[in-house]
């Protein structure tokens, strides 16, 4: 068996499993559940600053989905709610 065939079948040096010594262990990352789906919130109210604040860090940016763990439909609704709250000066655009 040539080197190329070994690599294609997964039996090479880079395919170290959990039990092998010196190999990297695979880290199991638990998938985040959407906060709004779990609590069955359909409408994200822009006036509820306490609910919006975890999704806006100190800099004032809107957190992306991969960090916040919100599903795509709720991320879009969250984005609109944050932008509306900014227009009414409930949430700051940026901090100094």
C-alpha atoms as a PDB file:
ATOM      1  CA  UNK A   1       0.000   0.000   0.000  1.00  0.00           C
ATOM      2  CA  UNK A   2       1.430   3.357  -0.985  1.00  0.00           C
ATOM      3  CA  UNK A   3       1.517   6.534   1.134  1.00  0.00           C
ATOM      4  CA  UNK A   4      -1.297   8.049  -0.870  1.00  0.00           C
ATOM      5  CA  UNK A   5      -3.615   5.092  -0.184  1.00  0.00           C
ATOM      6  CA  UNK A   6      -2.849   5.202   3.546  1.00  0.00           C
ATOM      7  CA  UNK A   7      -3.758   8.902   3.754  1.00  0.00           C
ATOM      8  CA  UNK A   8      -7.010   8.409   1.865  1.00  0.00           C
ATOM      9  CA  UNK A   9      -8.110   5.607   4.209  1.00  0.00           C
ATOM     10  CA  UNK A  10      -7.359   7.639   7.318  1.00  0.00           C
ATOM     11  CA  UNK A  11      -4.482   5.540   8.543  1.00  0.00           C
ATOM     12  CA  UNK A  12      -1.795   8.183   8.351  1.00  0.00           C
ATOM     13  CA  UNK A  13      -0.001  10.257  10.905  1.00  0.00           C
ATOM     14  CA  UNK A  14      -2.609  13.041  10.994  1.00  0.00           C
ATOM     15  CA  UNK A  15      -5.496  10.757  11.918  1.00  0.00           C
ATOM     16  CA  UNK A  16      -4.628  10.247  15.582  1.00  0.00           C
ATOM     17  CA  UNK A  17      -7.691   9.222  17.544  1.00  0.00           C
ATOM     18  CA  UNK A  18      -8.614   9.719  21.182  1.00  0.00           C
ATOM     19  CA  UNK A  19      -6.747   6.753  22.537  1.00  0.00           C
ATOM     20  CA  UNK A  20      -3.490   7.222  20.693  1.00  0.00           C
ATOM     21  CA  UNK A  21      -0.558   8.623  22.569  1.00  0.00           C
ATOM     22  CA  UNK A  22       0.736  11.964  21.373  1.00  0.00           C
ATOM     23  CA  UNK A  23      -2.310  12.608  19.172  1.00  0.00           C
ATOM     24  CA  UNK A  24      -4.711  15.481  19.595  1.00  0.00           C
ATOM     25  CA  UNK A  25      -7.939  14.810  21.369  1.00  0.00           C
ATOM     26  CA  UNK A  26     -11.111  15.873  19.700  1.00  0.00           C
ATOM     27  CA  UNK A  27     -12.931  18.479  21.724  1.00  0.00           C
ATOM     28  CA  UNK A  28     -16.689  17.999  21.882  1.00  0.00           C
ATOM     29  CA  UNK A  29     -18.362  21.382  21.780  1.00  0.00           C
ATOM     30  CA  UNK A  30     -21.957  21.378  22.897  1.00  0.00           C
ATOM     31  CA  UNK A  31     -24.256  23.066  20.417  1.00  0.00           C
ATOM     32  CA  UNK A  32     -25.853  26.230  21.724  1.00  0.00           C
ATOM     33  CA  UNK A  33     -29.593  26.430  21.701  1.00  0.00           C
ATOM     34  CA  UNK A  34     -31.395  29.583  20.658  1.00  0.00           C
ATOM     35  CA  UNK A  35     -32.556  31.425  23.770  1.00  0.00           C
ATOM     36  CA  UNK A  36     -35.667  32.690  22.012  1.00  0.00           C
ATOM     37  CA  UNK A  37     -36.635  29.269  20.633  1.00  0.00           C
ATOM     38  CA  UNK A  38     -36.225  27.614  24.045  1.00  0.00           C
ATOM     39  CA  UNK A  39     -38.339  30.258  25.812  1.00  0.00           C
ATOM     40  CA  UNK A  40     -40.767  30.361  22.834  1.00  0.00           C
ATOM     41  CA  UNK A  41     -40.455  34.115  22.302  1.00  0.00           C
ATOM     42  CA  UNK A  42     -41.908  35.097  18.910  1.00  0.00           C
ATOM     43  CA  UNK A  43     -41.648  38.875  19.095  1.00  0.00           C
ATOM     44  CA  UNK A  44     -38.463  40.565  20.314  1.00  0.00           C
ATOM     45  CA  UNK A  45     -39.529  43.868  21.846  1.00  0.00           C
ATOM     46  CA  UNK A  46     -37.133  46.727  21.141  1.00  0.00           C
ATOM     47  CA  UNK A  47     -38.208  48.516  24.346  1.00  0.00           C
ATOM     48  CA  UNK A  48     -36.999  45.643  26.546  1.00  0.00           C
ATOM     49  CA  UNK A  49     -33.378  46.752  27.032  1.00  0.00           C
ATOM     50  CA  UNK A  50     -32.671  44.029  29.618  1.00  0.00           C
ATOM     51  CA  UNK A  51     -33.377  41.362  27.035  1.00  0.00           C
ATOM     52  CA  UNK A  52     -31.285  43.084  24.333  1.00  0.00           C
ATOM     53  CA  UNK A  53     -28.252  43.904  26.483  1.00  0.00           C
ATOM     54  CA  UNK A  54     -26.651  40.404  26.530  1.00  0.00           C
ATOM     55  CA  UNK A  55     -26.408  40.563  22.731  1.00  0.00           C
ATOM     56  CA  UNK A  56     -24.584  43.902  22.720  1.00  0.00           C
ATOM     57  CA  UNK A  57     -21.061  43.893  24.188  1.00  0.00           C
ATOM     58  CA  UNK A  58     -19.335  46.945  25.715  1.00  0.00           C
ATOM     59  CA  UNK A  59     -18.276  48.312  22.336  1.00  0.00           C
ATOM     60  CA  UNK A  60     -21.907  48.524  21.238  1.00  0.00           C
ATOM     61  CA  UNK A  61     -21.712  46.141  18.287  1.00  0.00           C
ATOM     62  CA  UNK A  62     -24.307  43.462  17.615  1.00  0.00           C
ATOM     63  CA  UNK A  63     -22.901  40.015  18.387  1.00  0.00           C
ATOM     64  CA  UNK A  64     -22.867  37.529  15.507  1.00  0.00           C
ATOM     65  CA  UNK A  65     -24.864  34.313  15.560  1.00  0.00           C
ATOM     66  CA  UNK A  66     -21.868  32.058  16.108  1.00  0.00           C
ATOM     67  CA  UNK A  67     -21.076  33.852  19.364  1.00  0.00           C
ATOM     68  CA  UNK A  68     -24.565  34.605  20.664  1.00  0.00           C
ATOM     69  CA  UNK A  69     -26.000  31.188  19.765  1.00  0.00           C
ATOM     70  CA  UNK A  70     -29.235  32.588  18.338  1.00  0.00           C
ATOM     71  CA  UNK A  71     -30.928  30.973  15.323  1.00  0.00           C
ATOM     72  CA  UNK A  72     -31.076  32.813  11.988  1.00  0.00           C
ATOM     73  CA  UNK A  73     -34.705  33.944  12.198  1.00  0.00           C
ATOM     74  CA  UNK A  74     -34.328  35.305  15.714  1.00  0.00           C
ATOM     75  CA  UNK A  75     -30.976  36.916  14.850  1.00  0.00           C
ATOM     76  CA  UNK A  76     -32.696  38.945  12.132  1.00  0.00           C
ATOM     77  CA  UNK A  77     -35.473  39.984  14.518  1.00  0.00           C
ATOM     78  CA  UNK A  78     -32.891  40.790  17.211  1.00  0.00           C
ATOM     79  CA  UNK A  79     -30.939  42.951  14.777  1.00  0.00           C
ATOM     80  CA  UNK A  80     -34.049  44.970  13.893  1.00  0.00           C
ATOM     81  CA  UNK A  81     -34.959  45.374  17.574  1.00  0.00           C
ATOM     82  CA  UNK A  82     -31.453  46.617  18.469  1.00  0.00           C
ATOM     83  CA  UNK A  83     -31.466  49.093  15.597  1.00  0.00           C
ATOM     84  CA  UNK A  84     -34.878  50.433  16.650  1.00  0.00           C
ATOM     85  CA  UNK A  85     -33.707  50.750  20.257  1.00  0.00           C
ATOM     86  CA  UNK A  86     -30.657  52.690  19.059  1.00  0.00           C
ATOM     87  CA  UNK A  87     -32.875  55.126  17.149  1.00  0.00           C
ATOM     88  CA  UNK A  88     -34.796  55.879  20.337  1.00  0.00           C
ATOM     89  CA  UNK A  89     -31.537  56.184  22.320  1.00  0.00           C
ATOM     90  CA  UNK A  90     -32.375  53.201  24.540  1.00  0.00           C
ATOM     91  CA  UNK A  91     -29.174  51.442  23.468  1.00  0.00           C
ATOM     92  CA  UNK A  92     -25.945  53.291  22.511  1.00  0.00           C
ATOM     93  CA  UNK A  93     -24.506  53.069  19.013  1.00  0.00           C
ATOM     94  CA  UNK A  94     -20.902  53.023  20.297  1.00  0.00           C
ATOM     95  CA  UNK A  95     -19.042  53.740  23.509  1.00  0.00           C
ATOM     96  CA  UNK A  96     -16.021  55.994  23.862  1.00  0.00           C
END
